[in-house]
């Protein structure tokens, strides 16, 4: 039961689109990540996903609209909803997701992170 400083943890890595595990809550991971640029369109068929913006501005694109998240704001994306995160500048986010959630959802490519690092 050690406290965690999110901002100290974010300073430990520089890569984008590669979530790191900070801890576990029941069957979910608490993760942090840095985003920059466009990710990819994807769906999580079986898991909801939560994006909480710690620093910067994040755009979550949906097929019918865009949602802009500023610092201190979060969005829960229900399972089965196609989306694409976009960060024009570097963005720091906290993610709360089921342990089974793959960052690219049903898509597997060079951006897929199969094994998450705990920091």
PDB file of N, CA and C in Angstrom:
ATOM      1  N   UNK A   1       0.834  -1.186   0.000  1.00  0.00           N
ATOM      2  CA  UNK A   1       0.000   0.000   0.000  1.00  0.00           C
ATOM      3  C   UNK A   1       0.871   1.240   0.000  1.00  0.00           C
ATOM      4  N   UNK A   2       1.626   1.408  -1.058  1.00  0.00           N
ATOM      5  CA  UNK A   2       2.428   2.620  -1.217  1.00  0.00           C
ATOM      6  C   UNK A   2       1.685   3.615  -2.090  1.00  0.00           C
ATOM      7  N   UNK A   3       1.807   4.891  -1.736  1.00  0.00           N
ATOM      8  CA  UNK A   3       1.175   5.904  -2.575  1.00  0.00           C
ATOM      9  C   UNK A   3       1.941   6.004  -3.891  1.00  0.00           C
ATOM     10  N   UNK A   4       1.253   6.482  -4.903  1.00  0.00           N
ATOM     11  CA  UNK A   4       1.831   6.610  -6.239  1.00  0.00           C
ATOM     12  C   UNK A   4       1.671   8.046  -6.703  1.00  0.00           C
ATOM     13  N   UNK A   5       2.760   8.626  -7.175  1.00  0.00           N
ATOM     14  CA  UNK A   5       2.716   9.957  -7.770  1.00  0.00           C
ATOM     15  C   UNK A   5       2.664   9.773  -9.284  1.00  0.00           C
ATOM     16  N   UNK A   6       1.530  10.072  -9.858  1.00  0.00           N
ATOM     17  CA  UNK A   6       1.312   9.863 -11.289  1.00  0.00           C
ATOM     18  C   UNK A   6       2.330  10.628 -12.125  1.00  0.00           C
ATOM     19  N   UNK A   7       2.616  11.856 -11.755  1.00  0.00           N
ATOM     20  CA  UNK A   7       3.507  12.688 -12.564  1.00  0.00           C
ATOM     21  C   UNK A   7       4.943  12.191 -12.510  1.00  0.00           C
ATOM     22  N   UNK A   8       5.366  11.651 -11.374  1.00  0.00           N
ATOM     23  CA  UNK A   8       6.693  11.027 -11.300  1.00  0.00           C
ATOM     24  C   UNK A   8       6.756   9.814 -12.219  1.00  0.00           C
ATOM     25  N   UNK A   9       5.709   9.027 -12.235  1.00  0.00           N
ATOM     26  CA  UNK A   9       5.664   7.838 -13.093  1.00  0.00           C
ATOM     27  C   UNK A   9       5.694   8.224 -14.573  1.00  0.00           C
ATOM     28  N   UNK A  10       4.988   9.290 -14.932  1.00  0.00           N
ATOM     29  CA  UNK A  10       4.988   9.737 -16.325  1.00  0.00           C
ATOM     30  C   UNK A  10       6.372  10.187 -16.787  1.00  0.00           C
ATOM     31  N   UNK A  11       7.192  10.647 -15.855  1.00  0.00           N
ATOM     32  CA  UNK A  11       8.555  11.066 -16.207  1.00  0.00           C
ATOM     33  C   UNK A  11       9.501   9.900 -16.454  1.00  0.00           C
ATOM     34  N   UNK A  12       9.061   8.665 -16.194  1.00  0.00           N
ATOM     35  CA  UNK A  12       9.916   7.501 -16.355  1.00  0.00           C
ATOM     36  C   UNK A  12       9.958   6.950 -17.785  1.00  0.00           C
ATOM     37  N   UNK A  13       9.110   7.466 -18.676  1.00  0.00           N
ATOM     38  CA  UNK A  13       9.108   6.965 -20.054  1.00  0.00           C
ATOM     39  C   UNK A  13       8.748   8.079 -21.031  1.00  0.00           C
ATOM     40  N   UNK A  14       9.095   7.850 -22.294  1.00  0.00           N
ATOM     41  CA  UNK A  14       8.852   8.854 -23.337  1.00  0.00           C
ATOM     42  C   UNK A  14       8.054   8.340 -24.524  1.00  0.00           C
ATOM     43  N   UNK A  15       7.897   7.028 -24.665  1.00  0.00           N
ATOM     44  CA  UNK A  15       7.232   6.504 -25.848  1.00  0.00           C
ATOM     45  C   UNK A  15       5.736   6.815 -25.818  1.00  0.00           C
ATOM     46  N   UNK A  16       5.193   6.968 -27.022  1.00  0.00           N
ATOM     47  CA  UNK A  16       3.773   7.269 -27.187  1.00  0.00           C
ATOM     48  C   UNK A  16       2.986   5.989 -27.460  1.00  0.00           C
ATOM     49  N   UNK A  17       1.722   6.007 -27.043  1.00  0.00           N
ATOM     50  CA  UNK A  17       0.766   4.942 -27.322  1.00  0.00           C
ATOM     51  C   UNK A  17       1.188   3.605 -26.704  1.00  0.00           C
ATOM     52  N   UNK A  18       1.911   3.653 -25.593  1.00  0.00           N
ATOM     53  CA  UNK A  18       2.364   2.440 -24.918  1.00  0.00           C
ATOM     54  C   UNK A  18       2.004   2.533 -23.436  1.00  0.00           C
ATOM     55  N   UNK A  19       0.769   2.152 -23.084  1.00  0.00           N
ATOM     56  CA  UNK A  19       0.308   2.289 -21.693  1.00  0.00           C
ATOM     57  C   UNK A  19       1.183   1.522 -20.704  1.00  0.00           C
ATOM     58  N   UNK A  20       1.346   2.112 -19.512  1.00  0.00           N
ATOM     59  CA  UNK A  20       2.097   1.494 -18.415  1.00  0.00           C
ATOM     60  C   UNK A  20       1.142   1.280 -17.239  1.00  0.00           C
ATOM     61  N   UNK A  21       1.295   0.165 -16.563  1.00  0.00           N
ATOM     62  CA  UNK A  21       0.439  -0.155 -15.426  1.00  0.00           C
ATOM     63  C   UNK A  21       0.971   0.510 -14.157  1.00  0.00           C
ATOM     64  N   UNK A  22       0.080   1.219 -13.458  1.00  0.00           N
ATOM     65  CA  UNK A  22       0.422   1.798 -12.157  1.00  0.00           C
ATOM     66  C   UNK A  22      -0.086   0.929 -11.012  1.00  0.00           C
ATOM     67  N   UNK A  23      -1.184   0.246 -11.233  1.00  0.00           N
ATOM     68  CA  UNK A  23      -1.762  -0.567 -10.178  1.00  0.00           C
ATOM     69  C   UNK A  23      -2.979  -1.329 -10.675  1.00  0.00           C
ATOM     70  N   UNK A  24      -3.600  -2.042  -9.752  1.00  0.00           N
ATOM     71  CA  UNK A  24      -4.761  -2.860 -10.065  1.00  0.00           C
ATOM     72  C   UNK A  24      -5.888  -2.543  -9.095  1.00  0.00           C
ATOM     73  N   UNK A  25      -7.098  -2.519  -9.622  1.00  0.00           N
ATOM     74  CA  UNK A  25      -8.303  -2.371  -8.814  1.00  0.00           C
ATOM     75  C   UNK A  25      -9.255  -3.464  -9.271  1.00  0.00           C
ATOM     76  N   UNK A  26      -9.463  -4.436  -8.416  1.00  0.00           N
ATOM     77  CA  UNK A  26     -10.292  -5.591  -8.752  1.00  0.00           C
ATOM     78  C   UNK A  26      -9.791  -6.214 -10.055  1.00  0.00           C
ATOM     79  N   UNK A  27     -10.609  -6.280 -11.075  1.00  0.00           N
ATOM     80  CA  UNK A  27     -10.212  -6.894 -12.338  1.00  0.00           C
ATOM     81  C   UNK A  27      -9.804  -5.865 -13.388  1.00  0.00           C
ATOM     82  N   UNK A  28      -9.386  -4.673 -12.928  1.00  0.00           N
ATOM     83  CA  UNK A  28      -8.982  -3.605 -13.846  1.00  0.00           C
ATOM     84  C   UNK A  28      -7.573  -3.131 -13.540  1.00  0.00           C
ATOM     85  N   UNK A  29      -6.938  -2.577 -14.567  1.00  0.00           N
ATOM     86  CA  UNK A  29      -5.650  -1.908 -14.408  1.00  0.00           C
ATOM     87  C   UNK A  29      -5.867  -0.402 -14.383  1.00  0.00           C
ATOM     88  N   UNK A  30      -5.067   0.288 -13.586  1.00  0.00           N
ATOM     89  CA  UNK A  30      -4.937   1.737 -13.645  1.00  0.00           C
ATOM     90  C   UNK A  30      -3.644   1.967 -14.414  1.00  0.00           C
ATOM     91  N   UNK A  31      -3.752   2.668 -15.551  1.00  0.00           N
ATOM     92  CA  UNK A  31      -2.608   2.848 -16.440  1.00  0.00           C
ATOM     93  C   UNK A  31      -2.391   4.330 -16.713  1.00  0.00           C
ATOM     94  N   UNK A  32      -1.176   4.656 -17.137  1.00  0.00           N
ATOM     95  CA  UNK A  32      -0.889   5.976 -17.679  1.00  0.00           C
ATOM     96  C   UNK A  32      -0.256   5.778 -19.041  1.00  0.00           C
ATOM     97  N   UNK A  33      -0.409   6.808 -19.881  1.00  0.00           N
ATOM     98  CA  UNK A  33       0.167   6.754 -21.217  1.00  0.00           C
ATOM     99  C   UNK A  33       0.391   8.173 -21.714  1.00  0.00           C
ATOM    100  N   UNK A  34       1.283   8.272 -22.682  1.00  0.00           N
ATOM    101  CA  UNK A  34       1.505   9.520 -23.406  1.00  0.00           C
ATOM    102  C   UNK A  34       1.043   9.289 -24.834  1.00  0.00           C
ATOM    103  N   UNK A  35       0.289  10.240 -25.353  1.00  0.00           N
ATOM    104  CA  UNK A  35      -0.217  10.158 -26.714  1.00  0.00           C
ATOM    105  C   UNK A  35       0.296  11.339 -27.517  1.00  0.00           C
ATOM    106  N   UNK A  36       0.555  11.105 -28.790  1.00  0.00           N
ATOM    107  CA  UNK A  36       0.845  12.189 -29.731  1.00  0.00           C
ATOM    108  C   UNK A  36       0.577  11.665 -31.125  1.00  0.00           C
ATOM    109  N   UNK A  37      -0.183  12.450 -31.906  1.00  0.00           N
ATOM    110  CA  UNK A  37      -0.570  12.044 -33.248  1.00  0.00           C
ATOM    111  C   UNK A  37      -1.891  11.306 -33.223  1.00  0.00           C
ATOM    112  N   UNK A  38      -2.177  10.629 -34.347  1.00  0.00           N
ATOM    113  CA  UNK A  38      -3.392   9.833 -34.457  1.00  0.00           C
ATOM    114  C   UNK A  38      -3.085   8.398 -34.068  1.00  0.00           C
ATOM    115  N   UNK A  39      -4.030   7.766 -33.400  1.00  0.00           N
ATOM    116  CA  UNK A  39      -3.890   6.336 -33.111  1.00  0.00           C
ATOM    117  C   UNK A  39      -4.507   5.582 -34.283  1.00  0.00           C
ATOM    118  N   UNK A  40      -5.486   4.758 -34.059  1.00  0.00           N
ATOM    119  CA  UNK A  40      -6.161   4.046 -35.139  1.00  0.00           C
ATOM    120  C   UNK A  40      -7.595   3.777 -34.738  1.00  0.00           C
ATOM    121  N   UNK A  41      -8.445   3.609 -35.741  1.00  0.00           N
ATOM    122  CA  UNK A  41      -9.823   3.248 -35.471  1.00  0.00           C
ATOM    123  C   UNK A  41      -9.843   1.838 -34.905  1.00  0.00           C
ATOM    124  N   UNK A  42     -10.538   1.655 -33.800  1.00  0.00           N
ATOM    125  CA  UNK A  42     -10.626   0.335 -33.200  1.00  0.00           C
ATOM    126  C   UNK A  42     -11.852   0.233 -32.297  1.00  0.00           C
ATOM    127  N   UNK A  43     -12.149  -1.007 -31.921  1.00  0.00           N
ATOM    128  CA  UNK A  43     -13.297  -1.327 -31.069  1.00  0.00           C
ATOM    129  C   UNK A  43     -12.830  -2.280 -29.976  1.00  0.00           C
ATOM    130  N   UNK A  44     -13.363  -2.097 -28.791  1.00  0.00           N
ATOM    131  CA  UNK A  44     -13.197  -3.069 -27.714  1.00  0.00           C
ATOM    132  C   UNK A  44     -14.560  -3.739 -27.558  1.00  0.00           C
ATOM    133  N   UNK A  45     -14.664  -4.942 -28.089  1.00  0.00           N
ATOM    134  CA  UNK A  45     -15.959  -5.635 -28.108  1.00  0.00           C
ATOM    135  C   UNK A  45     -16.479  -5.988 -26.721  1.00  0.00           C
ATOM    136  N   UNK A  46     -15.554  -6.244 -25.764  1.00  0.00           N
ATOM    137  CA  UNK A  46     -15.984  -6.762 -24.467  1.00  0.00           C
ATOM    138  C   UNK A  46     -15.656  -5.871 -23.274  1.00  0.00           C
ATOM    139  N   UNK A  47     -15.017  -4.729 -23.505  1.00  0.00           N
ATOM    140  CA  UNK A  47     -14.590  -3.898 -22.372  1.00  0.00           C
ATOM    141  C   UNK A  47     -14.936  -2.429 -22.603  1.00  0.00           C
ATOM    142  N   UNK A  48     -15.360  -1.776 -21.529  1.00  0.00           N
ATOM    143  CA  UNK A  48     -15.473  -0.317 -21.535  1.00  0.00           C
ATOM    144  C   UNK A  48     -14.067   0.243 -21.363  1.00  0.00           C
ATOM    145  N   UNK A  49     -13.906   1.517 -21.699  1.00  0.00           N
ATOM    146  CA  UNK A  49     -12.587   2.140 -21.607  1.00  0.00           C
ATOM    147  C   UNK A  49     -12.763   3.561 -21.057  1.00  0.00           C
ATOM    148  N   UNK A  50     -11.877   3.964 -20.147  1.00  0.00           N
ATOM    149  CA  UNK A  50     -11.950   5.309 -19.591  1.00  0.00           C
ATOM    150  C   UNK A  50     -10.664   6.063 -19.870  1.00  0.00           C
ATOM    151  N   UNK A  51     -10.789   7.252 -20.464  1.00  0.00           N
ATOM    152  CA  UNK A  51      -9.667   8.153 -20.708  1.00  0.00           C
ATOM    153  C   UNK A  51      -9.821   9.362 -19.789  1.00  0.00           C
ATOM    154  N   UNK A  52      -8.838   9.610 -18.927  1.00  0.00           N
ATOM    155  CA  UNK A  52      -8.820  10.779 -18.050  1.00  0.00           C
ATOM    156  C   UNK A  52      -7.599  11.613 -18.422  1.00  0.00           C
ATOM    157  N   UNK A  53      -7.809  12.835 -18.883  1.00  0.00           N
ATOM    158  CA  UNK A  53      -6.716  13.686 -19.354  1.00  0.00           C
ATOM    159  C   UNK A  53      -6.064  14.394 -18.171  1.00  0.00           C
ATOM    160  N   UNK A  54      -4.777  14.128 -18.001  1.00  0.00           N
ATOM    161  CA  UNK A  54      -3.981  14.752 -16.944  1.00  0.00           C
ATOM    162  C   UNK A  54      -3.284  16.013 -17.439  1.00  0.00           C
ATOM    163  N   UNK A  55      -2.869  15.984 -18.714  1.00  0.00           N
ATOM    164  CA  UNK A  55      -2.152  17.119 -19.305  1.00  0.00           C
ATOM    165  C   UNK A  55      -2.447  17.152 -20.794  1.00  0.00           C
ATOM    166  N   UNK A  56      -2.771  18.324 -21.295  1.00  0.00           N
ATOM    167  CA  UNK A  56      -2.989  18.491 -22.724  1.00  0.00           C
ATOM    168  C   UNK A  56      -4.452  18.416 -23.118  1.00  0.00           C
ATOM    169  N   UNK A  57      -4.663  18.185 -24.407  1.00  0.00           N
ATOM    170  CA  UNK A  57      -5.995  18.130 -24.990  1.00  0.00           C
ATOM    171  C   UNK A  57      -6.072  16.883 -25.857  1.00  0.00           C
ATOM    172  N   UNK A  58      -7.087  16.069 -25.628  1.00  0.00           N
ATOM    173  CA  UNK A  58      -7.269  14.823 -26.363  1.00  0.00           C
ATOM    174  C   UNK A  58      -8.590  14.868 -27.112  1.00  0.00           C
ATOM    175  N   UNK A  59      -8.533  14.479 -28.373  1.00  0.00           N
ATOM    176  CA  UNK A  59      -9.742  14.361 -29.186  1.00  0.00           C
ATOM    177  C   UNK A  59     -10.050  12.870 -29.335  1.00  0.00           C
ATOM    178  N   UNK A  60     -11.266  12.501 -29.010  1.00  0.00           N
ATOM    179  CA  UNK A  60     -11.719  11.133 -29.265  1.00  0.00           C
ATOM    180  C   UNK A  60     -12.687  11.225 -30.435  1.00  0.00           C
ATOM    181  N   UNK A  61     -12.295  10.646 -31.546  1.00  0.00           N
ATOM    182  CA  UNK A  61     -13.135  10.660 -32.737  1.00  0.00           C
ATOM    183  C   UNK A  61     -14.057   9.446 -32.729  1.00  0.00           C
ATOM    184  N   UNK A  62     -15.303   9.705 -33.053  1.00  0.00           N
ATOM    185  CA  UNK A  62     -16.292   8.676 -33.292  1.00  0.00           C
ATOM    186  C   UNK A  62     -16.751   8.860 -34.733  1.00  0.00           C
ATOM    187  N   UNK A  63     -17.423   7.915 -35.283  1.00  0.00           N
ATOM    188  CA  UNK A  63     -17.853   8.018 -36.683  1.00  0.00           C
ATOM    189  C   UNK A  63     -18.830   9.166 -36.908  1.00  0.00           C
ATOM    190  N   UNK A  64     -19.557   9.570 -35.870  1.00  0.00           N
ATOM    191  CA  UNK A  64     -20.566  10.611 -36.032  1.00  0.00           C
ATOM    192  C   UNK A  64     -20.243  11.925 -35.323  1.00  0.00           C
ATOM    193  N   UNK A  65     -19.141  11.962 -34.545  1.00  0.00           N
ATOM    194  CA  UNK A  65     -18.801  13.196 -33.829  1.00  0.00           C
ATOM    195  C   UNK A  65     -17.412  13.076 -33.229  1.00  0.00           C
ATOM    196  N   UNK A  66     -16.882  14.207 -32.768  1.00  0.00           N
ATOM    197  CA  UNK A  66     -15.625  14.252 -32.022  1.00  0.00           C
ATOM    198  C   UNK A  66     -15.927  14.764 -30.621  1.00  0.00           C
ATOM    199  N   UNK A  67     -15.230  14.209 -29.625  1.00  0.00           N
ATOM    200  CA  UNK A  67     -15.344  14.692 -28.246  1.00  0.00           C
ATOM    201  C   UNK A  67     -13.967  15.203 -27.847  1.00  0.00           C
ATOM    202  N   UNK A  68     -13.915  16.453 -27.403  1.00  0.00           N
ATOM    203  CA  UNK A  68     -12.659  17.077 -26.980  1.00  0.00           C
ATOM    204  C   UNK A  68     -12.574  17.019 -25.465  1.00  0.00           C
ATOM    205  N   UNK A  69     -11.471  16.442 -24.980  1.00  0.00           N
ATOM    206  CA  UNK A  69     -11.232  16.335 -23.544  1.00  0.00           C
ATOM    207  C   UNK A  69     -10.080  17.247 -23.160  1.00  0.00           C
ATOM    208  N   UNK A  70     -10.329  18.143 -22.229  1.00  0.00           N
ATOM    209  CA  UNK A  70      -9.307  19.026 -21.686  1.00  0.00           C
ATOM    210  C   UNK A  70      -8.767  18.433 -20.388  1.00  0.00           C
ATOM    211  N   UNK A  71      -7.728  19.042 -19.864  1.00  0.00           N
ATOM    212  CA  UNK A  71      -7.157  18.593 -18.592  1.00  0.00           C
ATOM    213  C   UNK A  71      -8.237  18.521 -17.523  1.00  0.00           C
ATOM    214  N   UNK A  72      -8.239  17.427 -16.773  1.00  0.00           N
ATOM    215  CA  UNK A  72      -9.208  17.251 -15.704  1.00  0.00           C
ATOM    216  C   UNK A  72     -10.526  16.654 -16.158  1.00  0.00           C
ATOM    217  N   UNK A  73     -10.656  16.354 -17.446  1.00  0.00           N
ATOM    218  CA  UNK A  73     -11.897  15.775 -17.953  1.00  0.00           C
ATOM    219  C   UNK A  73     -11.669  14.312 -18.341  1.00  0.00           C
ATOM    220  N   UNK A  74     -12.749  13.522 -18.265  1.00  0.00           N
ATOM    221  CA  UNK A  74     -12.628  12.136 -18.689  1.00  0.00           C
ATOM    222  C   UNK A  74     -13.857  11.711 -19.473  1.00  0.00           C
ATOM    223  N   UNK A  75     -13.678  10.598 -20.181  1.00  0.00           N
ATOM    224  CA  UNK A  75     -14.748  10.042 -20.992  1.00  0.00           C
ATOM    225  C   UNK A  75     -14.709   8.525 -20.849  1.00  0.00           C
ATOM    226  N   UNK A  76     -15.875   7.943 -20.665  1.00  0.00           N
ATOM    227  CA  UNK A  76     -15.995   6.484 -20.641  1.00  0.00           C
ATOM    228  C   UNK A  76     -16.606   6.067 -21.970  1.00  0.00           C
ATOM    229  N   UNK A  77     -15.892   5.208 -22.676  1.00  0.00           N
ATOM    230  CA  UNK A  77     -16.375   4.704 -23.958  1.00  0.00           C
ATOM    231  C   UNK A  77     -16.925   3.290 -23.732  1.00  0.00           C
ATOM    232  N   UNK A  78     -18.221   3.115 -23.957  1.00  0.00           N
ATOM    233  CA  UNK A  78     -18.801   1.787 -23.750  1.00  0.00           C
ATOM    234  C   UNK A  78     -18.251   0.761 -24.751  1.00  0.00           C
ATOM    235  N   UNK A  79     -18.212  -0.473 -24.330  1.00  0.00           N
ATOM    236  CA  UNK A  79     -17.753  -1.545 -25.212  1.00  0.00           C
ATOM    237  C   UNK A  79     -18.565  -1.535 -26.507  1.00  0.00           C
ATOM    238  N   UNK A  80     -17.881  -1.922 -27.597  1.00  0.00           N
ATOM    239  CA  UNK A  80     -18.549  -2.018 -28.887  1.00  0.00           C
ATOM    240  C   UNK A  80     -18.639  -0.727 -29.674  1.00  0.00           C
ATOM    241  N   UNK A  81     -18.089   0.372 -29.152  1.00  0.00           N
ATOM    242  CA  UNK A  81     -18.149   1.663 -29.848  1.00  0.00           C
ATOM    243  C   UNK A  81     -16.805   1.929 -30.531  1.00  0.00           C
ATOM    244  N   UNK A  82     -16.823   2.084 -31.853  1.00  0.00           N
ATOM    245  CA  UNK A  82     -15.591   2.363 -32.591  1.00  0.00           C
ATOM    246  C   UNK A  82     -15.120   3.782 -32.298  1.00  0.00           C
ATOM    247  N   UNK A  83     -13.816   3.932 -32.091  1.00  0.00           N
ATOM    248  CA  UNK A  83     -13.273   5.244 -31.756  1.00  0.00           C
ATOM    249  C   UNK A  83     -11.808   5.332 -32.173  1.00  0.00           C
ATOM    250  N   UNK A  84     -11.299   6.573 -32.208  1.00  0.00           N
ATOM    251  CA  UNK A  84      -9.900   6.819 -32.508  1.00  0.00           C
ATOM    252  C   UNK A  84      -9.421   8.029 -31.698  1.00  0.00           C
ATOM    253  N   UNK A  85      -8.465   7.824 -30.769  1.00  0.00           N
ATOM    254  CA  UNK A  85      -7.882   8.954 -30.042  1.00  0.00           C
ATOM    255  C   UNK A  85      -6.910   9.728 -30.943  1.00  0.00           C
ATOM    256  N   UNK A  86      -6.915  11.052 -30.794  1.00  0.00           N
ATOM    257  CA  UNK A  86      -6.017  11.929 -31.543  1.00  0.00           C
ATOM    258  C   UNK A  86      -5.460  12.974 -30.585  1.00  0.00           C
ATOM    259  N   UNK A  87      -4.137  13.141 -30.621  1.00  0.00           N
ATOM    260  CA  UNK A  87      -3.471  14.156 -29.788  1.00  0.00           C
ATOM    261  C   UNK A  87      -2.579  14.989 -30.701  1.00  0.00           C
ATOM    262  N   UNK A  88      -3.003  16.210 -30.980  1.00  0.00           N
ATOM    263  CA  UNK A  88      -2.204  17.066 -31.860  1.00  0.00           C
ATOM    264  C   UNK A  88      -0.870  17.420 -31.218  1.00  0.00           C
ATOM    265  N   UNK A  89      -0.854  17.601 -29.923  1.00  0.00           N
ATOM    266  CA  UNK A  89       0.360  17.809 -29.130  1.00  0.00           C
ATOM    267  C   UNK A  89       0.412  16.696 -28.085  1.00  0.00           C
ATOM    268  N   UNK A  90       1.518  16.572 -27.385  1.00  0.00           N
ATOM    269  CA  UNK A  90       1.635  15.512 -26.387  1.00  0.00           C
ATOM    270  C   UNK A  90       0.548  15.633 -25.317  1.00  0.00           C
ATOM    271  N   UNK A  91      -0.064  14.504 -25.015  1.00  0.00           N
ATOM    272  CA  UNK A  91      -1.121  14.423 -24.003  1.00  0.00           C
ATOM    273  C   UNK A  91      -0.759  13.321 -23.023  1.00  0.00           C
ATOM    274  N   UNK A  92      -1.009  13.552 -21.744  1.00  0.00           N
ATOM    275  CA  UNK A  92      -0.808  12.541 -20.708  1.00  0.00           C
ATOM    276  C   UNK A  92      -2.185  12.113 -20.219  1.00  0.00           C
ATOM    277  N   UNK A  93      -2.413  10.804 -20.185  1.00  0.00           N
ATOM    278  CA  UNK A  93      -3.719  10.290 -19.787  1.00  0.00           C
ATOM    279  C   UNK A  93      -3.584   9.186 -18.751  1.00  0.00           C
ATOM    280  N   UNK A  94      -4.640   9.040 -17.971  1.00  0.00           N
ATOM    281  CA  UNK A  94      -4.801   7.888 -17.105  1.00  0.00           C
ATOM    282  C   UNK A  94      -5.923   7.065 -17.723  1.00  0.00           C
ATOM    283  N   UNK A  95      -5.722   5.766 -17.753  1.00  0.00           N
ATOM    284  CA  UNK A  95      -6.710   4.845 -18.298  1.00  0.00           C
ATOM    285  C   UNK A  95      -7.122   3.875 -17.200  1.00  0.00           C
ATOM    286  N   UNK A  96      -8.396   3.599 -17.123  1.00  0.00           N
ATOM    287  CA  UNK A  96      -8.860   2.553 -16.227  1.00  0.00           C
ATOM    288  C   UNK A  96      -9.609   1.565 -17.115  1.00  0.00           C
ATOM    289  N   UNK A  97      -9.049   0.352 -17.186  1.00  0.00           N
ATOM    290  CA  UNK A  97      -9.563  -0.630 -18.134  1.00  0.00           C
ATOM    291  C   UNK A  97      -9.489  -2.026 -17.532  1.00  0.00           C
ATOM    292  N   UNK A  98     -10.363  -2.899 -18.010  1.00  0.00           N
ATOM    293  CA  UNK A  98     -10.293  -4.309 -17.624  1.00  0.00           C
ATOM    294  C   UNK A  98      -8.916  -4.847 -17.996  1.00  0.00           C
ATOM    295  N   UNK A  99      -8.423  -5.785 -17.229  1.00  0.00           N
ATOM    296  CA  UNK A  99      -7.104  -6.375 -17.491  1.00  0.00           C
ATOM    297  C   UNK A  99      -7.019  -7.021 -18.862  1.00  0.00           C
ATOM    298  N   UNK A 100      -8.152  -7.389 -19.424  1.00  0.00           N
ATOM    299  CA  UNK A 100      -8.179  -8.035 -20.738  1.00  0.00           C
ATOM    300  C   UNK A 100      -8.127  -7.050 -21.902  1.00  0.00           C
ATOM    301  N   UNK A 101      -8.190  -5.743 -21.625  1.00  0.00           N
ATOM    302  CA  UNK A 101      -8.250  -4.743 -22.690  1.00  0.00           C
ATOM    303  C   UNK A 101      -6.921  -4.626 -23.415  1.00  0.00           C
ATOM    304  N   UNK A 102      -6.950  -4.829 -24.715  1.00  0.00           N
ATOM    305  CA  UNK A 102      -5.784  -4.646 -25.573  1.00  0.00           C
ATOM    306  C   UNK A 102      -5.853  -3.237 -26.148  1.00  0.00           C
ATOM    307  N   UNK A 103      -4.753  -2.506 -26.152  1.00  0.00           N
ATOM    308  CA  UNK A 103      -4.794  -1.096 -26.533  1.00  0.00           C
ATOM    309  C   UNK A 103      -5.356  -0.852 -27.934  1.00  0.00           C
ATOM    310  N   UNK A 104      -5.197  -1.809 -28.834  1.00  0.00           N
ATOM    311  CA  UNK A 104      -5.707  -1.644 -30.197  1.00  0.00           C
ATOM    312  C   UNK A 104      -7.025  -2.388 -30.419  1.00  0.00           C
ATOM    313  N   UNK A 105      -7.635  -2.843 -29.355  1.00  0.00           N
ATOM    314  CA  UNK A 105      -8.930  -3.517 -29.469  1.00  0.00           C
ATOM    315  C   UNK A 105      -8.843  -4.765 -30.309  1.00  0.00           C
ATOM    316  N   UNK A 106      -9.695  -4.862 -31.315  1.00  0.00           N
ATOM    317  CA  UNK A 106      -9.749  -6.040 -32.176  1.00  0.00           C
ATOM    318  C   UNK A 106      -8.666  -6.026 -33.257  1.00  0.00           C
ATOM    319  N   UNK A 107      -7.963  -4.906 -33.404  1.00  0.00           N
ATOM    320  CA  UNK A 107      -6.911  -4.772 -34.417  1.00  0.00           C
ATOM    321  C   UNK A 107      -5.580  -5.189 -33.798  1.00  0.00           C
ATOM    322  N   UNK A 108      -4.792  -5.916 -34.569  1.00  0.00           N
ATOM    323  CA  UNK A 108      -3.432  -6.265 -34.128  1.00  0.00           C
ATOM    324  C   UNK A 108      -2.466  -5.784 -35.196  1.00  0.00           C
ATOM    325  N   UNK A 109      -1.544  -4.889 -34.760  1.00  0.00           N
ATOM    326  CA  UNK A 109      -0.540  -4.367 -35.678  1.00  0.00           C
ATOM    327  C   UNK A 109       0.680  -3.924 -34.879  1.00  0.00           C
ATOM    328  N   UNK A 110       1.545  -3.113 -35.486  1.00  0.00           N
ATOM    329  CA  UNK A 110       2.786  -2.689 -34.824  1.00  0.00           C
ATOM    330  C   UNK A 110       2.548  -1.828 -33.584  1.00  0.00           C
ATOM    331  N   UNK A 111       1.367  -1.277 -33.430  1.00  0.00           N
ATOM    332  CA  UNK A 111       1.054  -0.467 -32.249  1.00  0.00           C
ATOM    333  C   UNK A 111       0.453  -1.279 -31.104  1.00  0.00           C
ATOM    334  N   UNK A 112       0.152  -2.522 -31.351  1.00  0.00           N
ATOM    335  CA  UNK A 112      -0.426  -3.384 -30.321  1.00  0.00           C
ATOM    336  C   UNK A 112       0.620  -3.664 -29.244  1.00  0.00           C
ATOM    337  N   UNK A 113       0.240  -3.433 -27.989  1.00  0.00           N
ATOM    338  CA  UNK A 113       1.112  -3.733 -26.849  1.00  0.00           C
ATOM    339  C   UNK A 113       0.511  -4.939 -26.142  1.00  0.00           C
ATOM    340  N   UNK A 114       1.112  -6.095 -26.394  1.00  0.00           N
ATOM    341  CA  UNK A 114       0.604  -7.353 -25.833  1.00  0.00           C
ATOM    342  C   UNK A 114       0.938  -7.482 -24.343  1.00  0.00           C
ATOM    343  N   UNK A 115       2.161  -7.103 -23.973  1.00  0.00           N
ATOM    344  CA  UNK A 115       2.619  -7.220 -22.593  1.00  0.00           C
ATOM    345  C   UNK A 115       2.873  -5.831 -22.030  1.00  0.00           C
ATOM    346  N   UNK A 116       2.057  -5.464 -21.079  1.00  0.00           N
ATOM    347  CA  UNK A 116       2.188  -4.137 -20.478  1.00  0.00           C
ATOM    348  C   UNK A 116       3.258  -4.136 -19.401  1.00  0.00           C
ATOM    349  N   UNK A 117       3.992  -3.047 -19.345  1.00  0.00           N
ATOM    350  CA  UNK A 117       5.030  -2.872 -18.328  1.00  0.00           C
ATOM    351  C   UNK A 117       4.411  -2.216 -17.101  1.00  0.00           C
ATOM    352  N   UNK A 118       4.781  -2.697 -15.925  1.00  0.00           N
ATOM    353  CA  UNK A 118       4.357  -2.069 -14.682  1.00  0.00           C
ATOM    354  C   UNK A 118       5.465  -1.139 -14.232  1.00  0.00           C
ATOM    355  N   UNK A 119       5.092   0.106 -13.920  1.00  0.00           N
ATOM    356  CA  UNK A 119       6.092   1.075 -13.459  1.00  0.00           C
ATOM    357  C   UNK A 119       5.712   1.583 -12.069  1.00  0.00           C
TER     358      UNK A 119
END
